[in-house]
PDB file of all heavy atoms in Angstrom:
ATOM      1  N   ILE A   1      19.405  -5.872  -0.601  1.00  0.00           N
ATOM      2  CA  ILE A   1      18.186  -5.131  -1.212  1.00  0.00           C
ATOM      3  C   ILE A   1      17.006  -6.171  -1.079  1.00  0.00           C
ATOM      4  O   ILE A   1      15.841  -5.581  -0.880  1.00  0.00           O
ATOM      5  CB  ILE A   1      18.571  -4.977  -2.756  1.00  0.00           C
ATOM      6  CG1 ILE A   1      19.692  -3.980  -2.882  1.00  0.00           C
ATOM      7  CG2 ILE A   1      17.299  -4.507  -3.499  1.00  0.00           C
ATOM      8  CD1 ILE A   1      20.195  -3.837  -4.255  1.00  0.00           C
ATOM      9  N   ALA A   2      17.162  -7.393  -1.170  1.00  0.00           N
ATOM     10  CA  ALA A   2      16.059  -8.369  -0.941  1.00  0.00           C
ATOM     11  C   ALA A   2      15.498  -8.271   0.387  1.00  0.00           C
ATOM     12  O   ALA A   2      14.196  -8.207   0.493  1.00  0.00           O
ATOM     13  CB  ALA A   2      16.452  -9.797  -1.218  1.00  0.00           C
ATOM     14  N   PHE A   3      16.198  -8.184   1.401  1.00  0.00           N
ATOM     15  CA  PHE A   3      15.690  -7.988   2.796  1.00  0.00           C
ATOM     16  C   PHE A   3      14.951  -6.685   2.932  1.00  0.00           C
ATOM     17  O   PHE A   3      13.748  -6.665   3.367  1.00  0.00           O
ATOM     18  CB  PHE A   3      16.820  -8.028   3.811  1.00  0.00           C
ATOM     19  CG  PHE A   3      17.406  -9.221   4.203  1.00  0.00           C
ATOM     20  CD1 PHE A   3      18.809  -9.553   4.068  1.00  0.00           C
ATOM     21  CD2 PHE A   3      16.459 -10.220   4.791  1.00  0.00           C
ATOM     22  CE1 PHE A   3      19.195 -10.926   4.412  1.00  0.00           C
ATOM     23  CE2 PHE A   3      17.008 -11.466   5.047  1.00  0.00           C
ATOM     24  CZ  PHE A   3      18.388 -11.784   5.010  1.00  0.00           C
ATOM     25  N   ASN A   4      15.412  -5.623   2.203  1.00  0.00           N
ATOM     26  CA  ASN A   4      14.721  -4.304   2.315  1.00  0.00           C
ATOM     27  C   ASN A   4      13.299  -4.446   1.519  1.00  0.00           C
ATOM     28  O   ASN A   4      12.372  -3.934   2.046  1.00  0.00           O
ATOM     29  CB  ASN A   4      15.468  -3.324   1.656  1.00  0.00           C
ATOM     30  CG  ASN A   4      16.729  -2.924   2.628  1.00  0.00           C
ATOM     31  OD1 ASN A   4      16.701  -3.120   3.812  1.00  0.00           O
ATOM     32  ND2 ASN A   4      17.659  -2.145   2.118  1.00  0.00           N
ATOM     33  N   GLU A   5      13.401  -5.062   0.517  1.00  0.00           N
ATOM     34  CA  GLU A   5      12.167  -5.305  -0.313  1.00  0.00           C
ATOM     35  C   GLU A   5      11.099  -6.069   0.491  1.00  0.00           C
ATOM     36  O   GLU A   5       9.881  -5.627   0.390  1.00  0.00           O
ATOM     37  CB  GLU A   5      12.470  -5.840  -1.692  1.00  0.00           C
ATOM     38  CG  GLU A   5      11.185  -6.187  -2.527  1.00  0.00           C
ATOM     39  CD  GLU A   5      10.273  -4.984  -2.806  1.00  0.00           C
ATOM     40  OE1 GLU A   5      10.743  -3.828  -2.559  1.00  0.00           O
ATOM     41  OE2 GLU A   5       9.265  -5.149  -3.348  1.00  0.00           O
ATOM     42  N   VAL A   6      11.417  -7.090   0.999  1.00  0.00           N
ATOM     43  CA  VAL A   6      10.484  -7.861   1.889  1.00  0.00           C
ATOM     44  C   VAL A   6       9.833  -7.028   2.901  1.00  0.00           C
ATOM     45  O   VAL A   6       8.719  -7.030   3.175  1.00  0.00           O
ATOM     46  CB  VAL A   6      11.089  -9.135   2.390  1.00  0.00           C
ATOM     47  CG1 VAL A   6      10.277  -9.853   3.351  1.00  0.00           C
ATOM     48  CG2 VAL A   6      11.494  -9.977   1.275  1.00  0.00           C
ATOM     49  N   ALA A   7      10.788  -6.236   3.640  1.00  0.00           N
ATOM     50  CA  ALA A   7      10.284  -5.366   4.707  1.00  0.00           C
ATOM     51  C   ALA A   7       9.285  -4.339   4.170  1.00  0.00           C
ATOM     52  O   ALA A   7       8.211  -4.094   4.686  1.00  0.00           O
ATOM     53  CB  ALA A   7      11.486  -4.701   5.356  1.00  0.00           C
ATOM     54  N   ARG A   8       9.674  -3.676   2.964  1.00  0.00           N
ATOM     55  CA  ARG A   8       8.795  -2.706   2.361  1.00  0.00           C
ATOM     56  C   ARG A   8       7.485  -3.294   2.016  1.00  0.00           C
ATOM     57  O   ARG A   8       6.388  -2.664   2.136  1.00  0.00           O
ATOM     58  CB  ARG A   8       9.401  -2.107   1.219  1.00  0.00           C
ATOM     59  CG  ARG A   8      10.557  -1.015   1.568  1.00  0.00           C
ATOM     60  CD  ARG A   8      10.958  -0.209   0.385  1.00  0.00           C
ATOM     61  NE  ARG A   8      11.619  -0.983  -0.677  1.00  0.00           N
ATOM     62  CZ  ARG A   8      12.820  -1.176  -0.778  1.00  0.00           C
ATOM     63  NH1 ARG A   8      13.769  -0.665   0.098  1.00  0.00           N
ATOM     64  NH2 ARG A   8      13.365  -1.956  -1.740  1.00  0.00           N
ATOM     65  N   ARG A   9       7.395  -4.469   1.453  1.00  0.00           N
ATOM     66  CA  ARG A   9       6.161  -5.077   1.115  1.00  0.00           C
ATOM     67  C   ARG A   9       5.346  -5.457   2.268  1.00  0.00           C
ATOM     68  O   ARG A   9       4.074  -5.386   2.119  1.00  0.00           O
ATOM     69  CB  ARG A   9       6.496  -6.381   0.296  1.00  0.00           C
ATOM     70  CG  ARG A   9       7.185  -6.358  -1.035  1.00  0.00           C
ATOM     71  CD  ARG A   9       6.491  -5.217  -1.897  1.00  0.00           C
ATOM     72  NE  ARG A   9       5.079  -5.590  -2.288  1.00  0.00           N
ATOM     73  CZ  ARG A   9       4.252  -4.862  -3.011  1.00  0.00           C
ATOM     74  NH1 ARG A   9       4.780  -3.558  -3.288  1.00  0.00           N
ATOM     75  NH2 ARG A   9       3.089  -5.211  -3.175  1.00  0.00           N
ATOM     76  N   ALA A  10       5.956  -5.727   3.362  1.00  0.00           N
ATOM     77  CA  ALA A  10       5.123  -5.897   4.612  1.00  0.00           C
ATOM     78  C   ALA A  10       4.403  -4.690   4.948  1.00  0.00           C
ATOM     79  O   ALA A  10       3.244  -4.664   5.395  1.00  0.00           O
ATOM     80  CB  ALA A  10       6.040  -6.358   5.745  1.00  0.00           C
ATOM     81  N   ILE A  11       4.962  -3.546   4.847  1.00  0.00           N
ATOM     82  CA  ILE A  11       4.424  -2.365   5.132  1.00  0.00           C
ATOM     83  C   ILE A  11       3.409  -1.854   4.086  1.00  0.00           C
ATOM     84  O   ILE A  11       2.162  -1.551   4.371  1.00  0.00           O
ATOM     85  CB  ILE A  11       5.388  -1.114   5.216  1.00  0.00           C
ATOM     86  CG1 ILE A  11       6.349  -1.446   6.520  1.00  0.00           C
ATOM     87  CG2 ILE A  11       4.705   0.231   5.386  1.00  0.00           C
ATOM     88  CD1 ILE A  11       7.490  -0.593   6.583  1.00  0.00           C
ATOM     89  N   ILE A  12       3.697  -1.952   2.823  1.00  0.00           N
ATOM     90  CA  ILE A  12       2.810  -1.599   1.704  1.00  0.00           C
ATOM     91  C   ILE A  12       1.649  -2.327   1.637  1.00  0.00           C
ATOM     92  O   ILE A  12       0.478  -1.904   1.198  1.00  0.00           O
ATOM     93  CB  ILE A  12       3.625  -1.598   0.386  1.00  0.00           C
ATOM     94  CG1 ILE A  12       4.725  -0.460   0.434  1.00  0.00           C
ATOM     95  CG2 ILE A  12       2.643  -1.373  -0.819  1.00  0.00           C
ATOM     96  CD1 ILE A  12       5.728  -0.570  -0.720  1.00  0.00           C
ATOM     97  N   THR A  13       1.618  -3.716   1.918  1.00  0.00           N
ATOM     98  CA  THR A  13       0.573  -4.531   1.747  1.00  0.00           C
ATOM     99  C   THR A  13      -0.358  -4.528   3.097  1.00  0.00           C
ATOM    100  O   THR A  13      -1.312  -5.286   3.096  1.00  0.00           O
ATOM    101  CB  THR A  13       0.974  -6.047   1.426  1.00  0.00           C
ATOM    102  OG1 THR A  13       1.858  -6.495   2.519  1.00  0.00           O
ATOM    103  CG2 THR A  13       1.653  -5.964   0.051  1.00  0.00           C
ATOM    104  N   ASP A  14       0.014  -3.829   4.129  1.00  0.00           N
ATOM    105  CA  ASP A  14      -0.822  -3.681   5.278  1.00  0.00           C
ATOM    106  C   ASP A  14      -2.017  -2.972   4.970  1.00  0.00           C
ATOM    107  O   ASP A  14      -1.974  -1.863   4.327  1.00  0.00           O
ATOM    108  CB  ASP A  14       0.032  -2.926   6.295  1.00  0.00           C
ATOM    109  CG  ASP A  14      -0.716  -2.961   7.700  1.00  0.00           C
ATOM    110  OD1 ASP A  14      -2.035  -2.724   7.717  1.00  0.00           O
ATOM    111  OD2 ASP A  14      -0.139  -3.072   8.743  1.00  0.00           O
ATOM    112  N   PRO A  15      -3.195  -3.462   5.172  1.00  0.00           N
ATOM    113  CA  PRO A  15      -4.448  -2.716   4.811  1.00  0.00           C
ATOM    114  C   PRO A  15      -4.568  -1.383   5.323  1.00  0.00           C
ATOM    115  O   PRO A  15      -5.336  -0.530   4.665  1.00  0.00           O
ATOM    116  CB  PRO A  15      -5.497  -3.733   5.317  1.00  0.00           C
ATOM    117  CG  PRO A  15      -4.897  -5.029   5.495  1.00  0.00           C
ATOM    118  CD  PRO A  15      -3.433  -4.760   5.866  1.00  0.00           C
ATOM    119  N   GLU A  16      -3.825  -1.048   6.349  1.00  0.00           N
ATOM    120  CA  GLU A  16      -4.037   0.206   6.988  1.00  0.00           C
ATOM    121  C   GLU A  16      -2.950   1.236   6.421  1.00  0.00           C
ATOM    122  O   GLU A  16      -2.757   2.336   6.993  1.00  0.00           O
ATOM    123  CB  GLU A  16      -3.887   0.250   8.474  1.00  0.00           C
ATOM    124  CG  GLU A  16      -5.141  -0.572   9.069  1.00  0.00           C
ATOM    125  CD  GLU A  16      -5.149  -0.537  10.596  1.00  0.00           C
ATOM    126  OE1 GLU A  16      -4.108  -0.486  11.208  1.00  0.00           O
ATOM    127  OE2 GLU A  16      -6.236  -0.571  11.121  1.00  0.00           O
ATOM    128  N   PHE A  17      -2.089   0.786   5.377  1.00  0.00           N
ATOM    129  CA  PHE A  17      -1.200   1.717   4.881  1.00  0.00           C
ATOM    130  C   PHE A  17      -1.797   2.725   3.934  1.00  0.00           C
ATOM    131  O   PHE A  17      -1.345   3.901   3.930  1.00  0.00           O
ATOM    132  CB  PHE A  17      -0.141   0.910   4.091  1.00  0.00           C
ATOM    133  CG  PHE A  17       0.976   1.653   3.474  1.00  0.00           C
ATOM    134  CD1 PHE A  17       1.915   2.319   4.194  1.00  0.00           C
ATOM    135  CD2 PHE A  17       1.112   1.764   1.999  1.00  0.00           C
ATOM    136  CE1 PHE A  17       2.850   3.179   3.648  1.00  0.00           C
ATOM    137  CE2 PHE A  17       2.215   2.542   1.493  1.00  0.00           C
ATOM    138  CZ  PHE A  17       2.984   3.167   2.231  1.00  0.00           C
ATOM    139  N   HIS A  18      -2.898   2.382   3.164  1.00  0.00           N
ATOM    140  CA  HIS A  18      -3.608   3.350   2.433  1.00  0.00           C
ATOM    141  C   HIS A  18      -2.779   4.125   1.425  1.00  0.00           C
ATOM    142  O   HIS A  18      -2.909   5.315   1.283  1.00  0.00           O
ATOM    143  CB  HIS A  18      -4.458   4.267   3.351  1.00  0.00           C
ATOM    144  CG  HIS A  18      -5.564   3.662   4.087  1.00  0.00           C
ATOM    145  ND1 HIS A  18      -6.649   3.192   3.587  1.00  0.00           N
ATOM    146  CD2 HIS A  18      -5.612   3.359   5.414  1.00  0.00           C
ATOM    147  CE1 HIS A  18      -7.485   2.708   4.534  1.00  0.00           C
ATOM    148  NE2 HIS A  18      -6.764   2.781   5.672  1.00  0.00           N
ATOM    149  N   GLY A  19      -1.895   3.263   0.747  1.00  0.00           N
ATOM    150  CA  GLY A  19      -1.123   3.998  -0.221  1.00  0.00           C
ATOM    151  C   GLY A  19      -0.089   4.992   0.355  1.00  0.00           C
ATOM    152  O   GLY A  19       0.379   5.890  -0.464  1.00  0.00           O
ATOM    153  N   GLY A  20       0.163   4.938   1.681  1.00  0.00           N
ATOM    154  CA  GLY A  20       0.999   5.872   2.196  1.00  0.00           C
ATOM    155  C   GLY A  20       0.434   7.168   2.817  1.00  0.00           C
ATOM    156  O   GLY A  20       1.072   7.969   3.446  1.00  0.00           O
ATOM    157  N   HIS A  21      -0.905   7.211   2.659  1.00  0.00           N
ATOM    158  CA  HIS A  21      -1.716   8.351   3.195  1.00  0.00           C
ATOM    159  C   HIS A  21      -2.541   7.944   4.407  1.00  0.00           C
ATOM    160  O   HIS A  21      -3.602   8.328   4.421  1.00  0.00           O
ATOM    161  CB  HIS A  21      -2.572   8.980   1.975  1.00  0.00           C
ATOM    162  CG  HIS A  21      -1.759   9.493   1.007  1.00  0.00           C
ATOM    163  ND1 HIS A  21      -0.956  10.749   1.077  1.00  0.00           N
ATOM    164  CD2 HIS A  21      -1.427   9.114  -0.291  1.00  0.00           C
ATOM    165  CE1 HIS A  21      -0.310  10.923  -0.044  1.00  0.00           C
ATOM    166  NE2 HIS A  21      -0.494   9.980  -0.938  1.00  0.00           N
ATOM    167  N   PHE A  22      -1.999   7.089   5.209  1.00  0.00           N
ATOM    168  CA  PHE A  22      -2.734   6.530   6.336  1.00  0.00           C
ATOM    169  C   PHE A  22      -3.054   7.635   7.460  1.00  0.00           C
ATOM    170  O   PHE A  22      -3.994   7.369   8.219  1.00  0.00           O
ATOM    171  CB  PHE A  22      -1.954   5.410   6.954  1.00  0.00           C
ATOM    172  CG  PHE A  22      -0.510   5.637   7.317  1.00  0.00           C
ATOM    173  CD1 PHE A  22      -0.193   6.270   8.520  1.00  0.00           C
ATOM    174  CD2 PHE A  22       0.428   5.351   6.371  1.00  0.00           C
ATOM    175  CE1 PHE A  22       1.196   6.422   8.724  1.00  0.00           C
ATOM    176  CE2 PHE A  22       1.735   5.630   6.558  1.00  0.00           C
ATOM    177  CZ  PHE A  22       2.171   6.144   7.890  1.00  0.00           C
ATOM    178  N   TYR A  23      -2.151   8.755   7.331  1.00  0.00           N
ATOM    179  CA  TYR A  23      -2.462   9.786   8.391  1.00  0.00           C
ATOM    180  C   TYR A  23      -3.950  10.340   8.286  1.00  0.00           C
ATOM    181  O   TYR A  23      -4.544  10.581   9.247  1.00  0.00           O
ATOM    182  CB  TYR A  23      -1.551  10.896   8.157  1.00  0.00           C
ATOM    183  CG  TYR A  23      -0.159  10.539   7.883  1.00  0.00           C
ATOM    184  CD1 TYR A  23       0.437  10.444   6.635  1.00  0.00           C
ATOM    185  CD2 TYR A  23       0.825  10.233   9.023  1.00  0.00           C
ATOM    186  CE1 TYR A  23       1.596  10.034   6.373  1.00  0.00           C
ATOM    187  CE2 TYR A  23       2.080   9.861   8.784  1.00  0.00           C
ATOM    188  CZ  TYR A  23       2.581   9.786   7.477  1.00  0.00           C
ATOM    189  OH  TYR A  23       3.871   9.355   7.211  1.00  0.00           O
ATOM    190  N   ALA A  24      -4.374  10.500   6.995  1.00  0.00           N
ATOM    191  CA  ALA A  24      -5.799  11.037   6.887  1.00  0.00           C
ATOM    192  C   ALA A  24      -6.860  10.100   7.351  1.00  0.00           C
ATOM    193  O   ALA A  24      -7.887  10.478   7.604  1.00  0.00           O
ATOM    194  CB  ALA A  24      -5.915  11.288   5.349  1.00  0.00           C
ATOM    195  N   HIS A  25      -6.501   8.816   7.469  1.00  0.00           N
ATOM    196  CA  HIS A  25      -7.494   7.851   7.902  1.00  0.00           C
ATOM    197  C   HIS A  25      -7.369   7.605   9.516  1.00  0.00           C
ATOM    198  O   HIS A  25      -8.157   6.798   9.992  1.00  0.00           O
ATOM    199  CB  HIS A  25      -7.193   6.470   7.215  1.00  0.00           C
ATOM    200  CG  HIS A  25      -7.500   6.627   5.804  1.00  0.00           C
ATOM    201  ND1 HIS A  25      -8.744   6.437   5.141  1.00  0.00           N
ATOM    202  CD2 HIS A  25      -6.612   6.920   4.741  1.00  0.00           C
ATOM    203  CE1 HIS A  25      -8.713   6.535   3.913  1.00  0.00           C
ATOM    204  NE2 HIS A  25      -7.344   6.887   3.558  1.00  0.00           N
ATOM    205  N   GLY A  26      -6.517   8.245  10.117  1.00  0.00           N
ATOM    206  CA  GLY A  26      -6.270   8.164  11.606  1.00  0.00           C
ATOM    207  C   GLY A  26      -5.789   6.786  11.957  1.00  0.00           C
ATOM    208  O   GLY A  26      -6.063   6.332  13.033  1.00  0.00           O
ATOM    209  N   VAL A  27      -5.072   6.118  11.155  1.00  0.00           N
ATOM    210  CA  VAL A  27      -4.501   4.780  11.418  1.00  0.00           C
ATOM    211  C   VAL A  27      -2.974   4.604  11.147  1.00  0.00           C
ATOM    212  O   VAL A  27      -2.450   5.520  10.610  1.00  0.00           O
ATOM    213  CB  VAL A  27      -5.253   3.690  10.628  1.00  0.00           C
ATOM    214  CG1 VAL A  27      -6.728   3.622  11.015  1.00  0.00           C
ATOM    215  CG2 VAL A  27      -5.049   3.894   9.140  1.00  0.00           C
ATOM    216  N   VAL A  28      -2.393   3.608  11.702  1.00  0.00           N
ATOM    217  CA  VAL A  28      -0.944   3.343  11.465  1.00  0.00           C
ATOM    218  C   VAL A  28      -0.815   1.945  11.044  1.00  0.00           C
ATOM    219  O   VAL A  28      -1.483   1.042  11.664  1.00  0.00           O
ATOM    220  CB  VAL A  28      -0.090   3.549  12.817  1.00  0.00           C
ATOM    221  CG1 VAL A  28       1.365   3.189  12.625  1.00  0.00           C
ATOM    222  CG2 VAL A  28      -0.352   5.006  13.220  1.00  0.00           C
ATOM    223  N   PRO A  29      -0.051   1.659   9.943  1.00  0.00           N
ATOM    224  CA  PRO A  29       0.073   0.284   9.478  1.00  0.00           C
ATOM    225  C   PRO A  29       0.983  -0.495  10.404  1.00  0.00           C
ATOM    226  O   PRO A  29       2.149  -0.928  10.011  1.00  0.00           O
ATOM    227  CB  PRO A  29       0.703   0.450   8.068  1.00  0.00           C
ATOM    228  CG  PRO A  29       1.455   1.787   8.093  1.00  0.00           C
ATOM    229  CD  PRO A  29       0.631   2.670   9.084  1.00  0.00           C
ATOM    230  N   LYS A  30       0.559  -0.716  11.575  1.00  0.00           N
ATOM    231  CA  LYS A  30       1.495  -1.354  12.702  1.00  0.00           C
ATOM    232  C   LYS A  30       1.905  -2.750  12.236  1.00  0.00           C
ATOM    233  O   LYS A  30       3.018  -3.198  12.638  1.00  0.00           O
ATOM    234  CB  LYS A  30       0.844  -1.266  13.990  1.00  0.00           C
ATOM    235  CG  LYS A  30       0.832   0.013  14.623  1.00  0.00           C
ATOM    236  CD  LYS A  30       0.485  -0.070  16.099  1.00  0.00           C
ATOM    237  CE  LYS A  30       0.701   1.288  16.818  1.00  0.00           C
ATOM    238  NZ  LYS A  30       0.586   1.212  18.324  1.00  0.00           N
ATOM    239  N   ARG A  31       0.955  -3.540  11.659  1.00  0.00           N
ATOM    240  CA  ARG A  31       1.339  -4.879  11.312  1.00  0.00           C
ATOM    241  C   ARG A  31       2.564  -4.984  10.315  1.00  0.00           C
ATOM    242  O   ARG A  31       3.411  -5.778  10.550  1.00  0.00           O
ATOM    243  CB  ARG A  31       0.114  -5.575  10.740  1.00  0.00           C
ATOM    244  CG  ARG A  31      -0.953  -6.036  11.705  1.00  0.00           C
ATOM    245  CD  ARG A  31      -2.208  -6.400  11.109  1.00  0.00           C
ATOM    246  NE  ARG A  31      -2.924  -5.279  10.529  1.00  0.00           N
ATOM    247  CZ  ARG A  31      -4.211  -5.318  10.038  1.00  0.00           C
ATOM    248  NH1 ARG A  31      -4.704  -6.596   9.932  1.00  0.00           N
ATOM    249  NH2 ARG A  31      -4.793  -4.400   9.598  1.00  0.00           N
ATOM    250  N   GLY A  32       2.548  -4.091   9.424  1.00  0.00           N
ATOM    251  CA  GLY A  32       3.561  -4.069   8.348  1.00  0.00           C
ATOM    252  C   GLY A  32       4.888  -3.654   8.999  1.00  0.00           C
ATOM    253  O   GLY A  32       5.977  -4.229   8.853  1.00  0.00           O
ATOM    254  N   LEU A  33       4.800  -2.585   9.924  1.00  0.00           N
ATOM    255  CA  LEU A  33       6.012  -2.056  10.628  1.00  0.00           C
ATOM    256  C   LEU A  33       6.620  -3.179  11.508  1.00  0.00           C
ATOM    257  O   LEU A  33       7.825  -3.325  11.568  1.00  0.00           O
ATOM    258  CB  LEU A  33       5.625  -0.869  11.448  1.00  0.00           C
ATOM    259  CG  LEU A  33       5.631   0.396  10.625  1.00  0.00           C
ATOM    260  CD1 LEU A  33       4.913   1.577  11.451  1.00  0.00           C
ATOM    261  CD2 LEU A  33       7.065   0.898  10.349  1.00  0.00           C
ATOM    262  N   ARG A  34       5.714  -4.015  12.203  1.00  0.00           N
ATOM    263  CA  ARG A  34       6.175  -5.058  13.114  1.00  0.00           C
ATOM    264  C   ARG A  34       7.047  -5.917  12.312  1.00  0.00           C
ATOM    265  O   ARG A  34       8.154  -6.462  12.751  1.00  0.00           O
ATOM    266  CB  ARG A  34       5.031  -5.680  13.825  1.00  0.00           C
ATOM    267  CG  ARG A  34       4.349  -4.815  14.843  1.00  0.00           C
ATOM    268  CD  ARG A  34       3.361  -5.604  15.563  1.00  0.00           C
ATOM    269  NE  ARG A  34       2.476  -4.903  16.444  1.00  0.00           N
ATOM    270  CZ  ARG A  34       1.103  -4.537  16.204  1.00  0.00           C
ATOM    271  NH1 ARG A  34       0.512  -5.018  15.194  1.00  0.00           N
ATOM    272  NH2 ARG A  34       0.549  -3.848  16.996  1.00  0.00           N
ATOM    273  N   VAL A  35       6.508  -6.523  11.209  1.00  0.00           N
ATOM    274  CA  VAL A  35       7.096  -7.548  10.366  1.00  0.00           C
ATOM    275  C   VAL A  35       8.448  -6.961   9.843  1.00  0.00           C
ATOM    276  O   VAL A  35       9.465  -7.616   9.813  1.00  0.00           O
ATOM    277  CB  VAL A  35       6.222  -7.994   9.298  1.00  0.00           C
ATOM    278  CG1 VAL A  35       7.056  -8.951   8.375  1.00  0.00           C
ATOM    279  CG2 VAL A  35       5.071  -8.741   9.840  1.00  0.00           C
ATOM    280  N   ALA A  36       8.436  -5.688   9.345  1.00  0.00           N
ATOM    281  CA  ALA A  36       9.636  -4.996   8.814  1.00  0.00           C
ATOM    282  C   ALA A  36      10.749  -5.057   9.833  1.00  0.00           C
ATOM    283  O   ALA A  36      12.036  -5.324   9.576  1.00  0.00           O
ATOM    284  CB  ALA A  36       9.324  -3.656   8.311  1.00  0.00           C
TER     285      ALA A  36
END
């Protein structure tokens, strides 16, 4: 569970995540996905 949480935090704290509504901004939280 801890591994999963660290991965999720990497995504959620990416500035381009936009609370999960990044599609509307035309971006992808790639930095968070890479770390996850």
